[in-house]
Amino acid sequence: MSNFIEDFYYGNIEPQECTTNLTAKIKKNLSELADKEVQLASILTNKEKALFTDYVATYIKFSSTCNADSFTVGFRLGARFTYDTFIENKKG
């Protein structure tokens, strides 16, 4: 049996790696997003395109920060479940 902690330490587990399966719903959303980008690119001026590109980059930073926070909260919640399951219940 492999040691999860050792695998994580040696870089065999990458928590930030994208493991999302491209389900039909995700593919549809990506397609819609790409279509909207093409539509916007065709009607925006160069100045408006630059502003929109900056907006998207800022949103990606914001989203990345929120995703990291959600990951941390989820990880801590999982650790609490594990603690409660294996440690806390043995006290009583």
PDB file of N, CA and C in Angstrom:
ATOM      1  N   MET A   1       0.855  -1.176   0.000  1.00  0.00           N
ATOM      2  CA  MET A   1       0.000   0.000   0.000  1.00  0.00           C
ATOM      3  C   MET A   1       0.902   1.240   0.000  1.00  0.00           C
ATOM      4  N   SER A   2       0.592   2.204  -0.846  1.00  0.00           N
ATOM      5  CA  SER A   2       1.407   3.417  -0.893  1.00  0.00           C
ATOM      6  C   SER A   2       1.059   4.340   0.273  1.00  0.00           C
ATOM      7  N   ASN A   3       1.997   5.160   0.637  1.00  0.00           N
ATOM      8  CA  ASN A   3       1.812   6.104   1.724  1.00  0.00           C
ATOM      9  C   ASN A   3       1.390   7.440   1.129  1.00  0.00           C
ATOM     10  N   PHE A   4       0.164   7.837   1.382  1.00  0.00           N
ATOM     11  CA  PHE A   4      -0.401   9.056   0.807  1.00  0.00           C
ATOM     12  C   PHE A   4       0.448  10.277   1.133  1.00  0.00           C
ATOM     13  N   ILE A   5       0.893  10.386   2.374  1.00  0.00           N
ATOM     14  CA  ILE A   5       1.670  11.554   2.787  1.00  0.00           C
ATOM     15  C   ILE A   5       3.008  11.585   2.053  1.00  0.00           C
ATOM     16  N   GLU A   6       3.663  10.438   1.930  1.00  0.00           N
ATOM     17  CA  GLU A   6       4.921  10.393   1.186  1.00  0.00           C
ATOM     18  C   GLU A   6       4.704  10.728  -0.288  1.00  0.00           C
ATOM     19  N   ASP A   7       3.654  10.187  -0.871  1.00  0.00           N
ATOM     20  CA  ASP A   7       3.345  10.509  -2.276  1.00  0.00           C
ATOM     21  C   ASP A   7       3.141  12.010  -2.450  1.00  0.00           C
ATOM     22  N   PHE A   8       2.446  12.616  -1.502  1.00  0.00           N
ATOM     23  CA  PHE A   8       2.218  14.061  -1.565  1.00  0.00           C
ATOM     24  C   PHE A   8       3.537  14.810  -1.423  1.00  0.00           C
ATOM     25  N   TYR A   9       4.361  14.398  -0.466  1.00  0.00           N
ATOM     26  CA  TYR A   9       5.654  15.046  -0.229  1.00  0.00           C
ATOM     27  C   TYR A   9       6.546  14.975  -1.465  1.00  0.00           C
ATOM     28  N   TYR A  10       6.602  13.833  -2.107  1.00  0.00           N
ATOM     29  CA  TYR A  10       7.479  13.656  -3.260  1.00  0.00           C
ATOM     30  C   TYR A  10       6.870  14.185  -4.561  1.00  0.00           C
ATOM     31  N   GLY A  11       5.724  14.828  -4.471  1.00  0.00           N
ATOM     32  CA  GLY A  11       5.141  15.469  -5.649  1.00  0.00           C
ATOM     33  C   GLY A  11       4.368  14.537  -6.553  1.00  0.00           C
ATOM     34  N   ASN A  12       4.019  13.365  -6.061  1.00  0.00           N
ATOM     35  CA  ASN A  12       3.241  12.427  -6.870  1.00  0.00           C
ATOM     36  C   ASN A  12       1.755  12.759  -6.873  1.00  0.00           C
ATOM     37  N   ILE A  13       1.366  13.649  -6.005  1.00  0.00           N
ATOM     38  CA  ILE A  13      -0.025  14.110  -5.936  1.00  0.00           C
ATOM     39  C   ILE A  13      -0.007  15.620  -6.139  1.00  0.00           C
ATOM     40  N   GLU A  14      -0.732  16.083  -7.112  1.00  0.00           N
ATOM     41  CA  GLU A  14      -0.791  17.513  -7.436  1.00  0.00           C
ATOM     42  C   GLU A  14      -2.209  18.019  -7.168  1.00  0.00           C
ATOM     43  N   PRO A  15      -2.451  18.661  -6.016  1.00  0.00           N
ATOM     44  CA  PRO A  15      -3.813  19.103  -5.698  1.00  0.00           C
ATOM     45  C   PRO A  15      -4.358  20.150  -6.652  1.00  0.00           C
ATOM     46  N   GLN A  16      -3.482  20.941  -7.279  1.00  0.00           N
ATOM     47  CA  GLN A  16      -3.970  21.982  -8.176  1.00  0.00           C
ATOM     48  C   GLN A  16      -4.186  21.466  -9.600  1.00  0.00           C
ATOM     49  N   GLU A  17      -3.842  20.218  -9.838  1.00  0.00           N
ATOM     50  CA  GLU A  17      -4.014  19.639 -11.163  1.00  0.00           C
ATOM     51  C   GLU A  17      -5.503  19.565 -11.496  1.00  0.00           C
ATOM     52  N   CYS A  18      -5.839  19.938 -12.693  1.00  0.00           N
ATOM     53  CA  CYS A  18      -7.244  19.911 -13.121  1.00  0.00           C
ATOM     54  C   CYS A  18      -7.666  18.468 -13.360  1.00  0.00           C
ATOM     55  N   THR A  19      -8.627  18.013 -12.588  1.00  0.00           N
ATOM     56  CA  THR A  19      -9.095  16.647 -12.742  1.00  0.00           C
ATOM     57  C   THR A  19     -10.557  16.598 -13.162  1.00  0.00           C
ATOM     58  N   THR A  20     -11.078  17.737 -13.586  1.00  0.00           N
ATOM     59  CA  THR A  20     -12.469  17.794 -13.978  1.00  0.00           C
ATOM     60  C   THR A  20     -12.683  17.029 -15.279  1.00  0.00           C
ATOM     61  N   ASN A  21     -13.636  16.136 -15.245  1.00  0.00           N
ATOM     62  CA  ASN A  21     -14.010  15.453 -16.477  1.00  0.00           C
ATOM     63  C   ASN A  21     -14.833  16.409 -17.321  1.00  0.00           C
ATOM     64  N   LEU A  22     -14.555  16.432 -18.591  1.00  0.00           N
ATOM     65  CA  LEU A  22     -15.305  17.313 -19.477  1.00  0.00           C
ATOM     66  C   LEU A  22     -16.645  16.661 -19.801  1.00  0.00           C
ATOM     67  N   THR A  23     -17.570  16.839 -18.877  1.00  0.00           N
ATOM     68  CA  THR A  23     -18.913  16.306 -19.059  1.00  0.00           C
ATOM     69  C   THR A  23     -19.623  17.093 -20.148  1.00  0.00           C
ATOM     70  N   ALA A  24     -20.748  16.578 -20.585  1.00  0.00           N
ATOM     71  CA  ALA A  24     -21.528  17.257 -21.625  1.00  0.00           C
ATOM     72  C   ALA A  24     -21.907  18.666 -21.171  1.00  0.00           C
ATOM     73  N   LYS A  25     -22.248  18.825 -19.903  1.00  0.00           N
ATOM     74  CA  LYS A  25     -22.636  20.136 -19.377  1.00  0.00           C
ATOM     75  C   LYS A  25     -21.452  21.103 -19.420  1.00  0.00           C
ATOM     76  N   ILE A  26     -20.268  20.640 -19.010  1.00  0.00           N
ATOM     77  CA  ILE A  26     -19.084  21.505 -19.028  1.00  0.00           C
ATOM     78  C   ILE A  26     -18.715  21.864 -20.466  1.00  0.00           C
ATOM     79  N   LYS A  27     -18.777  20.893 -21.370  1.00  0.00           N
ATOM     80  CA  LYS A  27     -18.477  21.150 -22.783  1.00  0.00           C
ATOM     81  C   LYS A  27     -19.442  22.185 -23.353  1.00  0.00           C
ATOM     82  N   LYS A  28     -20.716  22.069 -22.981  1.00  0.00           N
ATOM     83  CA  LYS A  28     -21.720  23.029 -23.456  1.00  0.00           C
ATOM     84  C   LYS A  28     -21.405  24.426 -22.933  1.00  0.00           C
ATOM     85  N   ASN A  29     -21.060  24.527 -21.649  1.00  0.00           N
ATOM     86  CA  ASN A  29     -20.724  25.825 -21.060  1.00  0.00           C
ATOM     87  C   ASN A  29     -19.489  26.431 -21.717  1.00  0.00           C
ATOM     88  N   LEU A  30     -18.467  25.616 -21.974  1.00  0.00           N
ATOM     89  CA  LEU A  30     -17.265  26.107 -22.645  1.00  0.00           C
ATOM     90  C   LEU A  30     -17.571  26.594 -24.056  1.00  0.00           C
ATOM     91  N   SER A  31     -18.421  25.869 -24.740  1.00  0.00           N
ATOM     92  CA  SER A  31     -18.805  26.265 -26.093  1.00  0.00           C
ATOM     93  C   SER A  31     -19.548  27.599 -26.083  1.00  0.00           C
ATOM     94  N   GLU A  32     -20.453  27.749 -25.136  1.00  0.00           N
ATOM     95  CA  GLU A  32     -21.193  29.008 -25.010  1.00  0.00           C
ATOM     96  C   GLU A  32     -20.242  30.156 -24.685  1.00  0.00           C
ATOM     97  N   LEU A  33     -19.297  29.908 -23.813  1.00  0.00           N
ATOM     98  CA  LEU A  33     -18.320  30.928 -23.451  1.00  0.00           C
ATOM     99  C   LEU A  33     -17.499  31.351 -24.666  1.00  0.00           C
ATOM    100  N   ALA A  34     -17.047  30.381 -25.438  1.00  0.00           N
ATOM    101  CA  ALA A  34     -16.270  30.683 -26.647  1.00  0.00           C
ATOM    102  C   ALA A  34     -17.110  31.467 -27.653  1.00  0.00           C
ATOM    103  N   ASP A  35     -18.374  31.100 -27.801  1.00  0.00           N
ATOM    104  CA  ASP A  35     -19.265  31.827 -28.720  1.00  0.00           C
ATOM    105  C   ASP A  35     -19.426  33.285 -28.289  1.00  0.00           C
ATOM    106  N   LYS A  36     -19.596  33.497 -26.989  1.00  0.00           N
ATOM    107  CA  LYS A  36     -19.746  34.877 -26.482  1.00  0.00           C
ATOM    108  C   LYS A  36     -18.471  35.684 -26.721  1.00  0.00           C
ATOM    109  N   GLU A  37     -17.320  35.039 -26.562  1.00  0.00           N
ATOM    110  CA  GLU A  37     -16.052  35.728 -26.800  1.00  0.00           C
ATOM    111  C   GLU A  37     -15.945  36.163 -28.259  1.00  0.00           C
ATOM    112  N   VAL A  38     -16.327  35.302 -29.167  1.00  0.00           N
ATOM    113  CA  VAL A  38     -16.295  35.644 -30.597  1.00  0.00           C
ATOM    114  C   VAL A  38     -17.251  36.798 -30.882  1.00  0.00           C
ATOM    115  N   GLN A  39     -18.436  36.742 -30.304  1.00  0.00           N
ATOM    116  CA  GLN A  39     -19.416  37.819 -30.502  1.00  0.00           C
ATOM    117  C   GLN A  39     -18.886  39.150 -29.978  1.00  0.00           C
ATOM    118  N   LEU A  40     -18.321  39.136 -28.782  1.00  0.00           N
ATOM    119  CA  LEU A  40     -17.781  40.370 -28.213  1.00  0.00           C
ATOM    120  C   LEU A  40     -16.617  40.906 -29.046  1.00  0.00           C
ATOM    121  N   ALA A  41     -15.737  40.028 -29.472  1.00  0.00           N
ATOM    122  CA  ALA A  41     -14.579  40.453 -30.257  1.00  0.00           C
ATOM    123  C   ALA A  41     -15.015  41.127 -31.557  1.00  0.00           C
ATOM    124  N   SER A  42     -16.152  40.730 -32.079  1.00  0.00           N
ATOM    125  CA  SER A  42     -16.608  41.305 -33.344  1.00  0.00           C
ATOM    126  C   SER A  42     -17.257  42.682 -33.186  1.00  0.00           C
ATOM    127  N   ILE A  43     -17.685  43.025 -31.979  1.00  0.00           N
ATOM    128  CA  ILE A  43     -18.385  44.310 -31.811  1.00  0.00           C
ATOM    129  C   ILE A  43     -17.631  45.339 -30.964  1.00  0.00           C
ATOM    130  N   LEU A  44     -16.625  44.911 -30.219  1.00  0.00           N
ATOM    131  CA  LEU A  44     -15.906  45.848 -29.357  1.00  0.00           C
ATOM    132  C   LEU A  44     -14.796  46.569 -30.116  1.00  0.00           C
ATOM    133  N   THR A  45     -14.571  47.814 -29.722  1.00  0.00           N
ATOM    134  CA  THR A  45     -13.435  48.561 -30.267  1.00  0.00           C
ATOM    135  C   THR A  45     -12.156  48.025 -29.611  1.00  0.00           C
ATOM    136  N   ASN A  46     -11.005  48.428 -30.132  1.00  0.00           N
ATOM    137  CA  ASN A  46      -9.737  47.975 -29.546  1.00  0.00           C
ATOM    138  C   ASN A  46      -9.620  48.372 -28.079  1.00  0.00           C
ATOM    139  N   LYS A  47     -10.050  49.599 -27.761  1.00  0.00           N
ATOM    140  CA  LYS A  47      -9.996  50.073 -26.371  1.00  0.00           C
ATOM    141  C   LYS A  47     -10.925  49.234 -25.490  1.00  0.00           C
ATOM    142  N   GLU A  48     -12.113  48.943 -25.983  1.00  0.00           N
ATOM    143  CA  GLU A  48     -13.071  48.127 -25.233  1.00  0.00           C
ATOM    144  C   GLU A  48     -12.564  46.687 -25.085  1.00  0.00           C
ATOM    145  N   LYS A  49     -11.921  46.155 -26.121  1.00  0.00           N
ATOM    146  CA  LYS A  49     -11.353  44.804 -26.051  1.00  0.00           C
ATOM    147  C   LYS A  49     -10.267  44.748 -24.976  1.00  0.00           C
ATOM    148  N   ALA A  50      -9.437  45.778 -24.913  1.00  0.00           N
ATOM    149  CA  ALA A  50      -8.368  45.823 -23.912  1.00  0.00           C
ATOM    150  C   ALA A  50      -8.967  45.862 -22.506  1.00  0.00           C
ATOM    151  N   LEU A  51     -10.004  46.656 -22.320  1.00  0.00           N
ATOM    152  CA  LEU A  51     -10.667  46.735 -21.018  1.00  0.00           C
ATOM    153  C   LEU A  51     -11.297  45.399 -20.658  1.00  0.00           C
ATOM    154  N   PHE A  52     -11.939  44.776 -21.623  1.00  0.00           N
ATOM    155  CA  PHE A  52     -12.572  43.482 -21.365  1.00  0.00           C
ATOM    156  C   PHE A  52     -11.524  42.420 -21.045  1.00  0.00           C
ATOM    157  N   THR A  53     -10.413  42.429 -21.766  1.00  0.00           N
ATOM    158  CA  THR A  53      -9.331  41.481 -21.503  1.00  0.00           C
ATOM    159  C   THR A  53      -8.785  41.671 -20.098  1.00  0.00           C
ATOM    160  N   ASP A  54      -8.632  42.921 -19.681  1.00  0.00           N
ATOM    161  CA  ASP A  54      -8.177  43.224 -18.327  1.00  0.00           C
ATOM    162  C   ASP A  54      -9.199  42.745 -17.300  1.00  0.00           C
ATOM    163  N   TYR A  55     -10.467  42.951 -17.595  1.00  0.00           N
ATOM    164  CA  TYR A  55     -11.545  42.487 -16.711  1.00  0.00           C
ATOM    165  C   TYR A  55     -11.470  40.967 -16.543  1.00  0.00           C
ATOM    166  N   VAL A  56     -11.314  40.249 -17.643  1.00  0.00           N
ATOM    167  CA  VAL A  56     -11.249  38.789 -17.596  1.00  0.00           C
ATOM    168  C   VAL A  56     -10.040  38.333 -16.772  1.00  0.00           C
ATOM    169  N   ALA A  57      -8.886  38.963 -16.976  1.00  0.00           N
ATOM    170  CA  ALA A  57      -7.691  38.601 -16.221  1.00  0.00           C
ATOM    171  C   ALA A  57      -7.898  38.837 -14.725  1.00  0.00           C
ATOM    172  N   THR A  58      -8.531  39.950 -14.382  1.00  0.00           N
ATOM    173  CA  THR A  58      -8.813  40.261 -12.978  1.00  0.00           C
ATOM    174  C   THR A  58      -9.795  39.258 -12.394  1.00  0.00           C
ATOM    175  N   TYR A  59     -10.799  38.897 -13.170  1.00  0.00           N
ATOM    176  CA  TYR A  59     -11.775  37.905 -12.709  1.00  0.00           C
ATOM    177  C   TYR A  59     -11.108  36.547 -12.485  1.00  0.00           C
ATOM    178  N   ILE A  60     -10.192  36.176 -13.353  1.00  0.00           N
ATOM    179  CA  ILE A  60      -9.484  34.896 -13.204  1.00  0.00           C
ATOM    180  C   ILE A  60      -8.678  34.897 -11.909  1.00  0.00           C
ATOM    181  N   LYS A  61      -8.011  36.005 -11.589  1.00  0.00           N
ATOM    182  CA  LYS A  61      -7.276  36.109 -10.327  1.00  0.00           C
ATOM    183  C   LYS A  61      -8.223  35.953  -9.139  1.00  0.00           C
ATOM    184  N   PHE A  62      -9.345  36.651  -9.203  1.00  0.00           N
ATOM    185  CA  PHE A  62     -10.356  36.577  -8.145  1.00  0.00           C
ATOM    186  C   PHE A  62     -10.868  35.147  -7.994  1.00  0.00           C
ATOM    187  N   SER A  63     -11.214  34.532  -9.097  1.00  0.00           N
ATOM    188  CA  SER A  63     -11.735  33.176  -9.087  1.00  0.00           C
ATOM    189  C   SER A  63     -10.704  32.191  -8.540  1.00  0.00           C
ATOM    190  N   SER A  64      -9.457  32.381  -8.922  1.00  0.00           N
ATOM    191  CA  SER A  64      -8.383  31.510  -8.434  1.00  0.00           C
ATOM    192  C   SER A  64      -8.240  31.619  -6.918  1.00  0.00           C
ATOM    193  N   THR A  65      -8.321  32.841  -6.405  1.00  0.00           N
ATOM    194  CA  THR A  65      -8.241  33.053  -4.964  1.00  0.00           C
ATOM    195  C   THR A  65      -9.414  32.388  -4.254  1.00  0.00           C
ATOM    196  N   CYS A  66     -10.604  32.535  -4.812  1.00  0.00           N
ATOM    197  CA  CYS A  66     -11.789  31.902  -4.224  1.00  0.00           C
ATOM    198  C   CYS A  66     -11.677  30.379  -4.267  1.00  0.00           C
ATOM    199  N   ASN A  67     -11.170  29.839  -5.384  1.00  0.00           N
ATOM    200  CA  ASN A  67     -11.003  28.392  -5.497  1.00  0.00           C
ATOM    201  C   ASN A  67     -10.007  27.872  -4.465  1.00  0.00           C
ATOM    202  N   ALA A  68      -8.923  28.605  -4.255  1.00  0.00           N
ATOM    203  CA  ALA A  68      -7.930  28.190  -3.254  1.00  0.00           C
ATOM    204  C   ALA A  68      -8.554  28.203  -1.867  1.00  0.00           C
ATOM    205  N   ASP A  69      -9.353  29.219  -1.579  1.00  0.00           N
ATOM    206  CA  ASP A  69     -10.020  29.305  -0.281  1.00  0.00           C
ATOM    207  C   ASP A  69     -10.999  28.145  -0.108  1.00  0.00           C
ATOM    208  N   SER A  70     -11.765  27.850  -1.153  1.00  0.00           N
ATOM    209  CA  SER A  70     -12.721  26.736  -1.090  1.00  0.00           C
ATOM    210  C   SER A  70     -11.998  25.410  -0.880  1.00  0.00           C
ATOM    211  N   PHE A  71     -10.849  25.237  -1.540  1.00  0.00           N
ATOM    212  CA  PHE A  71     -10.055  24.027  -1.373  1.00  0.00           C
ATOM    213  C   PHE A  71      -9.612  23.894   0.078  1.00  0.00           C
ATOM    214  N   THR A  72      -9.129  24.992   0.653  1.00  0.00           N
ATOM    215  CA  THR A  72      -8.662  24.977   2.037  1.00  0.00           C
ATOM    216  C   THR A  72      -9.798  24.655   2.998  1.00  0.00           C
ATOM    217  N   VAL A  73     -10.933  25.297   2.800  1.00  0.00           N
ATOM    218  CA  VAL A  73     -12.090  25.051   3.665  1.00  0.00           C
ATOM    219  C   VAL A  73     -12.532  23.594   3.538  1.00  0.00           C
ATOM    220  N   GLY A  74     -12.585  23.081   2.319  1.00  0.00           N
ATOM    221  CA  GLY A  74     -12.980  21.692   2.105  1.00  0.00           C
ATOM    222  C   GLY A  74     -11.998  20.711   2.721  1.00  0.00           C
ATOM    223  N   PHE A  75     -10.724  21.007   2.579  1.00  0.00           N
ATOM    224  CA  PHE A  75      -9.701  20.139   3.158  1.00  0.00           C
ATOM    225  C   PHE A  75      -9.832  20.105   4.671  1.00  0.00           C
ATOM    226  N   ARG A  76     -10.023  21.267   5.281  1.00  0.00           N
ATOM    227  CA  ARG A  76     -10.177  21.330   6.742  1.00  0.00           C
ATOM    228  C   ARG A  76     -11.441  20.611   7.193  1.00  0.00           C
ATOM    229  N   LEU A  77     -12.510  20.742   6.435  1.00  0.00           N
ATOM    230  CA  LEU A  77     -13.750  20.045   6.768  1.00  0.00           C
ATOM    231  C   LEU A  77     -13.536  18.540   6.716  1.00  0.00           C
ATOM    232  N   GLY A  78     -12.845  18.067   5.668  1.00  0.00           N
ATOM    233  CA  GLY A  78     -12.542  16.645   5.573  1.00  0.00           C
ATOM    234  C   GLY A  78     -11.686  16.169   6.730  1.00  0.00           C
ATOM    235  N   ALA A  79     -10.723  16.985   7.123  1.00  0.00           N
ATOM    236  CA  ALA A  79      -9.867  16.626   8.257  1.00  0.00           C
ATOM    237  C   ALA A  79     -10.682  16.548   9.541  1.00  0.00           C
ATOM    238  N   ARG A  80     -11.631  17.437   9.699  1.00  0.00           N
ATOM    239  CA  ARG A  80     -12.484  17.397  10.897  1.00  0.00           C
ATOM    240  C   ARG A  80     -13.335  16.134  10.921  1.00  0.00           C
ATOM    241  N   PHE A  81     -13.881  15.755   9.747  1.00  0.00           N
ATOM    242  CA  PHE A  81     -14.645  14.512   9.669  1.00  0.00           C
ATOM    243  C   PHE A  81     -13.764  13.324  10.053  1.00  0.00           C
ATOM    244  N   THR A  82     -12.549  13.304   9.534  1.00  0.00           N
ATOM    245  CA  THR A  82     -11.622  12.220   9.836  1.00  0.00           C
ATOM    246  C   THR A  82     -11.287  12.192  11.315  1.00  0.00           C
ATOM    247  N   TYR A  83     -10.988  13.348  11.874  1.00  0.00           N
ATOM    248  CA  TYR A  83     -10.677  13.438  13.299  1.00  0.00           C
ATOM    249  C   TYR A  83     -11.841  12.924  14.131  1.00  0.00           C
ATOM    250  N   ASP A  84     -13.043  13.394  13.811  1.00  0.00           N
ATOM    251  CA  ASP A  84     -14.223  12.993  14.559  1.00  0.00           C
ATOM    252  C   ASP A  84     -14.467  11.492  14.435  1.00  0.00           C
ATOM    253  N   THR A  85     -14.235  10.961  13.260  1.00  0.00           N
ATOM    254  CA  THR A  85     -14.473   9.548  13.009  1.00  0.00           C
ATOM    255  C   THR A  85     -13.484   8.652  13.749  1.00  0.00           C
ATOM    256  N   PHE A  86     -12.216   9.006  13.719  1.00  0.00           N
ATOM    257  CA  PHE A  86     -11.195   8.116  14.240  1.00  0.00           C
ATOM    258  C   PHE A  86     -10.647   8.487  15.616  1.00  0.00           C
ATOM    259  N   ILE A  87     -10.751   9.726  16.018  1.00  0.00           N
ATOM    260  CA  ILE A  87     -10.154  10.154  17.282  1.00  0.00           C
ATOM    261  C   ILE A  87     -11.215  10.533  18.316  1.00  0.00           C
ATOM    262  N   GLU A  88     -12.052  11.490  17.969  1.00  0.00           N
ATOM    263  CA  GLU A  88     -13.007  12.039  18.911  1.00  0.00           C
ATOM    264  C   GLU A  88     -13.932  10.968  19.472  1.00  0.00           C
ATOM    265  N   ASN A  89     -14.424  10.078  18.628  1.00  0.00           N
ATOM    266  CA  ASN A  89     -15.364   9.063  19.078  1.00  0.00           C
ATOM    267  C   ASN A  89     -14.723   8.007  19.983  1.00  0.00           C
ATOM    268  N   LYS A  90     -13.411   7.908  19.963  1.00  0.00           N
ATOM    269  CA  LYS A  90     -12.747   6.927  20.821  1.00  0.00           C
ATOM    270  C   LYS A  90     -12.615   7.422  22.251  1.00  0.00           C
ATOM    271  N   LYS A  91     -12.838   8.722  22.460  1.00  0.00           N
ATOM    272  CA  LYS A  91     -12.742   9.272  23.818  1.00  0.00           C
ATOM    273  C   LYS A  91     -13.928   8.826  24.674  1.00  0.00           C
ATOM    274  N   GLY A  92     -15.076   8.667  24.029  1.00  0.00           N
ATOM    275  CA  GLY A  92     -16.282   8.364  24.797  1.00  0.00           C
ATOM    276  C   GLY A  92     -16.576   6.935  24.787  1.00  0.00           C
TER     277      GLY A  92
END
